[in-house]
Amino acid sequence: MEQNPLTKGILAENFTGIGTVTQEMVLKRARELAIINGHSPNHVSKSELQQAKRELTGGVDISPKEAALESAPESKRWDPLPGSTGHKAPESSDEDEDSEGRSESAQLVEEGVNEAEHDQMLQAVKAAAKKDKEGL
């Protein structure tokens, strides 16, 4: 059974549902990441835009090399036992688990921790900027 695509990606921001992810939301998140990374929110890098989109849509954060390997057909990947036909492992029957075997509650906890960490970094950068501005 396929998982509901509405349960993938970020579920809430400050405990308010965000609904469909828009370009404006991705740009806002990318600007926050730019601030956290120590540069102007008006100069968002491509990597910050990609990270923002991944965070908001629930995309997997993997390296380009891993992504290329995953996109290759299985017949083209490295074969550890040449000539072996192998067999397909049975699918997990627990539909509440993700591909890493984490339960739905563990996924939600991790999402909440990530969002809280993001908010703390953003607030720390803003507080430091305000302190610097007042000190001048």
C-alpha atoms as a PDB file:
ATOM      1  CA  MET A   1       0.000   0.000   0.000  1.00  0.00           C
ATOM      2  CA  GLU A   2       1.397   3.395  -0.955  1.00  0.00           C
ATOM      3  CA  GLN A   3       1.854   6.060   1.667  1.00  0.00           C
ATOM      4  CA  ASN A   4      -0.276   9.165   1.516  1.00  0.00           C
ATOM      5  CA  PRO A   5       1.817  11.884  -0.217  1.00  0.00           C
ATOM      6  CA  LEU A   6       0.216  14.488   2.017  1.00  0.00           C
ATOM      7  CA  THR A   7       2.039  13.017   5.017  1.00  0.00           C
ATOM      8  CA  LYS A   8       5.445  13.503   3.399  1.00  0.00           C
ATOM      9  CA  GLY A   9       7.478  16.634   3.952  1.00  0.00           C
ATOM     10  CA  ILE A  10       7.051  19.187   6.641  1.00  0.00           C
ATOM     11  CA  LEU A  11       3.701  18.962   8.381  1.00  0.00           C
ATOM     12  CA  ALA A  12       3.588  22.159  10.385  1.00  0.00           C
ATOM     13  CA  GLU A  13       5.411  25.375  11.085  1.00  0.00           C
ATOM     14  CA  ASN A  14       5.172  26.446  14.710  1.00  0.00           C
ATOM     15  CA  PHE A  15       2.406  23.831  15.019  1.00  0.00           C
ATOM     16  CA  THR A  16       0.302  25.389  12.257  1.00  0.00           C
ATOM     17  CA  GLY A  17      -0.288  23.277   9.129  1.00  0.00           C
ATOM     18  CA  ILE A  18       1.439  24.750   6.071  1.00  0.00           C
ATOM     19  CA  GLY A  19      -0.602  23.143   3.293  1.00  0.00           C
ATOM     20  CA  THR A  20       0.803  23.112  -0.241  1.00  0.00           C
ATOM     21  CA  VAL A  21       4.418  24.257  -0.506  1.00  0.00           C
ATOM     22  CA  THR A  22       4.690  27.328  -2.749  1.00  0.00           C
ATOM     23  CA  GLN A  23       7.670  29.031  -4.392  1.00  0.00           C
ATOM     24  CA  GLU A  24       7.272  31.908  -1.936  1.00  0.00           C
ATOM     25  CA  MET A  25       7.566  29.491   0.985  1.00  0.00           C
ATOM     26  CA  VAL A  26      10.709  27.930  -0.515  1.00  0.00           C
ATOM     27  CA  LEU A  27      12.235  31.377  -1.078  1.00  0.00           C
ATOM     28  CA  LYS A  28      11.397  32.472   2.487  1.00  0.00           C
ATOM     29  CA  ARG A  29      13.026  29.322   3.898  1.00  0.00           C
ATOM     30  CA  ALA A  30      16.070  29.811   1.637  1.00  0.00           C
ATOM     31  CA  ARG A  31      16.433  33.395   2.889  1.00  0.00           C
ATOM     32  CA  GLU A  32      16.364  32.109   6.474  1.00  0.00           C
ATOM     33  CA  LEU A  33      19.083  29.605   5.572  1.00  0.00           C
ATOM     34  CA  ALA A  34      21.131  32.415   4.000  1.00  0.00           C
ATOM     35  CA  ILE A  35      20.896  34.407   7.238  1.00  0.00           C
ATOM     36  CA  ILE A  36      21.922  31.345   9.259  1.00  0.00           C
ATOM     37  CA  ASN A  37      24.868  30.800   6.882  1.00  0.00           C
ATOM     38  CA  GLY A  38      26.021  34.367   7.514  1.00  0.00           C
ATOM     39  CA  HIS A  39      25.175  36.227   4.354  1.00  0.00           C
ATOM     40  CA  SER A  40      22.518  38.542   3.018  1.00  0.00           C
ATOM     41  CA  PRO A  41      19.006  37.155   2.555  1.00  0.00           C
ATOM     42  CA  ASN A  42      18.977  39.005  -0.768  1.00  0.00           C
ATOM     43  CA  HIS A  43      21.754  36.760  -2.119  1.00  0.00           C
ATOM     44  CA  VAL A  44      20.390  33.226  -1.750  1.00  0.00           C
ATOM     45  CA  SER A  45      22.619  30.500  -3.184  1.00  0.00           C
ATOM     46  CA  LYS A  46      21.420  27.638  -5.353  1.00  0.00           C
ATOM     47  CA  SER A  47      22.312  25.146  -2.605  1.00  0.00           C
ATOM     48  CA  GLU A  48      20.215  27.091  -0.079  1.00  0.00           C
ATOM     49  CA  LEU A  49      17.242  27.020  -2.459  1.00  0.00           C
ATOM     50  CA  GLN A  50      17.689  23.277  -2.948  1.00  0.00           C
ATOM     51  CA  GLN A  51      17.988  22.675   0.798  1.00  0.00           C
ATOM     52  CA  ALA A  52      14.882  24.777   1.484  1.00  0.00           C
ATOM     53  CA  LYS A  53      12.892  22.828  -1.086  1.00  0.00           C
ATOM     54  CA  ARG A  54      14.102  19.505   0.373  1.00  0.00           C
ATOM     55  CA  GLU A  55      13.181  20.604   3.895  1.00  0.00           C
ATOM     56  CA  LEU A  56       9.698  21.763   2.948  1.00  0.00           C
ATOM     57  CA  THR A  57       8.805  18.896   0.633  1.00  0.00           C
ATOM     58  CA  GLY A  58      10.413  16.085   2.607  1.00  0.00           C
ATOM     59  CA  GLY A  59      13.015  15.334  -0.048  1.00  0.00           C
ATOM     60  CA  VAL A  60      15.900  13.068   0.841  1.00  0.00           C
ATOM     61  CA  ASP A  61      19.149  14.817   1.676  1.00  0.00           C
ATOM     62  CA  ILE A  62      21.659  12.679  -0.242  1.00  0.00           C
ATOM     63  CA  SER A  63      24.838  13.522  -2.089  1.00  0.00           C
ATOM     64  CA  PRO A  64      24.804  13.962  -5.885  1.00  0.00           C
ATOM     65  CA  LYS A  65      26.930  10.801  -6.212  1.00  0.00           C
ATOM     66  CA  GLU A  66      24.396   8.768  -4.219  1.00  0.00           C
ATOM     67  CA  ALA A  67      21.539  10.320  -6.188  1.00  0.00           C
ATOM     68  CA  ALA A  68      23.198   9.314  -9.472  1.00  0.00           C
ATOM     69  CA  LEU A  69      23.670   5.764  -8.224  1.00  0.00           C
ATOM     70  CA  GLU A  70      20.057   5.566  -7.072  1.00  0.00           C
ATOM     71  CA  SER A  71      18.790   6.854 -10.426  1.00  0.00           C
ATOM     72  CA  ALA A  72      20.740   4.232 -12.403  1.00  0.00           C
ATOM     73  CA  PRO A  73      18.819   1.083 -13.349  1.00  0.00           C
ATOM     74  CA  GLU A  74      19.578  -1.874 -11.116  1.00  0.00           C
ATOM     75  CA  SER A  75      21.027  -3.772 -14.073  1.00  0.00           C
ATOM     76  CA  LYS A  76      23.734  -1.083 -14.414  1.00  0.00           C
ATOM     77  CA  ARG A  77      24.702  -0.980 -10.727  1.00  0.00           C
ATOM     78  CA  TRP A  78      27.602  -2.908  -9.291  1.00  0.00           C
ATOM     79  CA  ASP A  79      26.821  -6.616  -9.044  1.00  0.00           C
ATOM     80  CA  PRO A  80      28.442  -8.180  -5.925  1.00  0.00           C
ATOM     81  CA  LEU A  81      27.872 -11.749  -7.195  1.00  0.00           C
ATOM     82  CA  PRO A  82      28.101 -11.849 -10.994  1.00  0.00           C
ATOM     83  CA  GLY A  83      25.717 -14.392 -12.467  1.00  0.00           C
ATOM     84  CA  SER A  84      23.631 -14.677  -9.302  1.00  0.00           C
ATOM     85  CA  THR A  85      19.929 -14.077  -9.880  1.00  0.00           C
ATOM     86  CA  GLY A  86      19.242 -13.390  -6.211  1.00  0.00           C
ATOM     87  CA  HIS A  87      15.736 -12.880  -4.861  1.00  0.00           C
ATOM     88  CA  LYS A  88      13.543  -9.993  -3.831  1.00  0.00           C
ATOM     89  CA  ALA A  89      13.245  -9.414  -0.109  1.00  0.00           C
ATOM     90  CA  PRO A  90       9.675  -9.155   1.180  1.00  0.00           C
ATOM     91  CA  GLU A  91       8.324  -5.668   1.767  1.00  0.00           C
ATOM     92  CA  SER A  92       7.791  -4.485   5.307  1.00  0.00           C
ATOM     93  CA  SER A  93       4.173  -4.925   6.271  1.00  0.00           C
ATOM     94  CA  ASP A  94       4.250  -1.968   8.670  1.00  0.00           C
ATOM     95  CA  GLU A  95       3.073   0.961   6.567  1.00  0.00           C
ATOM     96  CA  ASP A  96       3.836   3.433   9.370  1.00  0.00           C
ATOM     97  CA  GLU A  97       7.588   2.903   8.968  1.00  0.00           C
ATOM     98  CA  ASP A  98       9.763   4.820   6.532  1.00  0.00           C
ATOM     99  CA  SER A  99      12.545   3.380   4.375  1.00  0.00           C
ATOM    100  CA  GLU A 100      14.938   3.618   7.344  1.00  0.00           C
ATOM    101  CA  GLY A 101      12.600   1.629   9.613  1.00  0.00           C
ATOM    102  CA  ARG A 102      11.588   4.594  11.770  1.00  0.00           C
ATOM    103  CA  SER A 103       8.060   4.655  13.156  1.00  0.00           C
ATOM    104  CA  GLU A 104       5.711   7.515  12.345  1.00  0.00           C
ATOM    105  CA  SER A 105       6.174   8.980  15.819  1.00  0.00           C
ATOM    106  CA  ALA A 106       9.970   8.851  15.473  1.00  0.00           C
ATOM    107  CA  GLN A 107       9.654  10.654  12.134  1.00  0.00           C
ATOM    108  CA  LEU A 108       7.498  13.362  13.719  1.00  0.00           C
ATOM    109  CA  VAL A 109       9.928  13.766  16.627  1.00  0.00           C
ATOM    110  CA  GLU A 110      12.851  14.168  14.239  1.00  0.00           C
ATOM    111  CA  GLU A 111      10.886  16.682  12.176  1.00  0.00           C
ATOM    112  CA  GLY A 112      10.072  18.696  15.300  1.00  0.00           C
ATOM    113  CA  VAL A 113      13.682  18.647  16.470  1.00  0.00           C
ATOM    114  CA  ASN A 114      14.885  19.805  13.044  1.00  0.00           C
ATOM    115  CA  GLU A 115      12.342  22.637  12.946  1.00  0.00           C
ATOM    116  CA  ALA A 116      13.246  23.738  16.493  1.00  0.00           C
ATOM    117  CA  GLU A 117      16.954  23.684  15.629  1.00  0.00           C
ATOM    118  CA  HIS A 118      16.300  25.791  12.537  1.00  0.00           C
ATOM    119  CA  ASP A 119      14.282  28.311  14.564  1.00  0.00           C
ATOM    120  CA  GLN A 120      16.979  28.527  17.252  1.00  0.00           C
ATOM    121  CA  MET A 121      19.714  29.175  14.686  1.00  0.00           C
ATOM    122  CA  LEU A 122      17.627  31.864  12.988  1.00  0.00           C
ATOM    123  CA  GLN A 123      16.798  33.596  16.290  1.00  0.00           C
ATOM    124  CA  ALA A 124      20.458  33.467  17.389  1.00  0.00           C
ATOM    125  CA  VAL A 125      21.627  35.096  14.168  1.00  0.00           C
ATOM    126  CA  LYS A 126      18.917  37.776  14.399  1.00  0.00           C
ATOM    127  CA  ALA A 127      19.772  38.484  18.064  1.00  0.00           C
ATOM    128  CA  ALA A 128      23.476  38.787  17.244  1.00  0.00           C
ATOM    129  CA  ALA A 129      22.728  41.141  14.366  1.00  0.00           C
ATOM    130  CA  LYS A 130      20.514  43.282  16.624  1.00  0.00           C
ATOM    131  CA  LYS A 131      23.213  43.385  19.310  1.00  0.00           C
ATOM    132  CA  ASP A 132      25.835  44.422  16.740  1.00  0.00           C
ATOM    133  CA  LYS A 133      23.516  47.108  15.379  1.00  0.00           C
ATOM    134  CA  GLU A 134      22.855  48.504  18.882  1.00  0.00           C
ATOM    135  CA  GLY A 135      26.570  48.460  19.681  1.00  0.00           C
ATOM    136  CA  LEU A 136      27.417  50.731  16.741  1.00  0.00           C
END
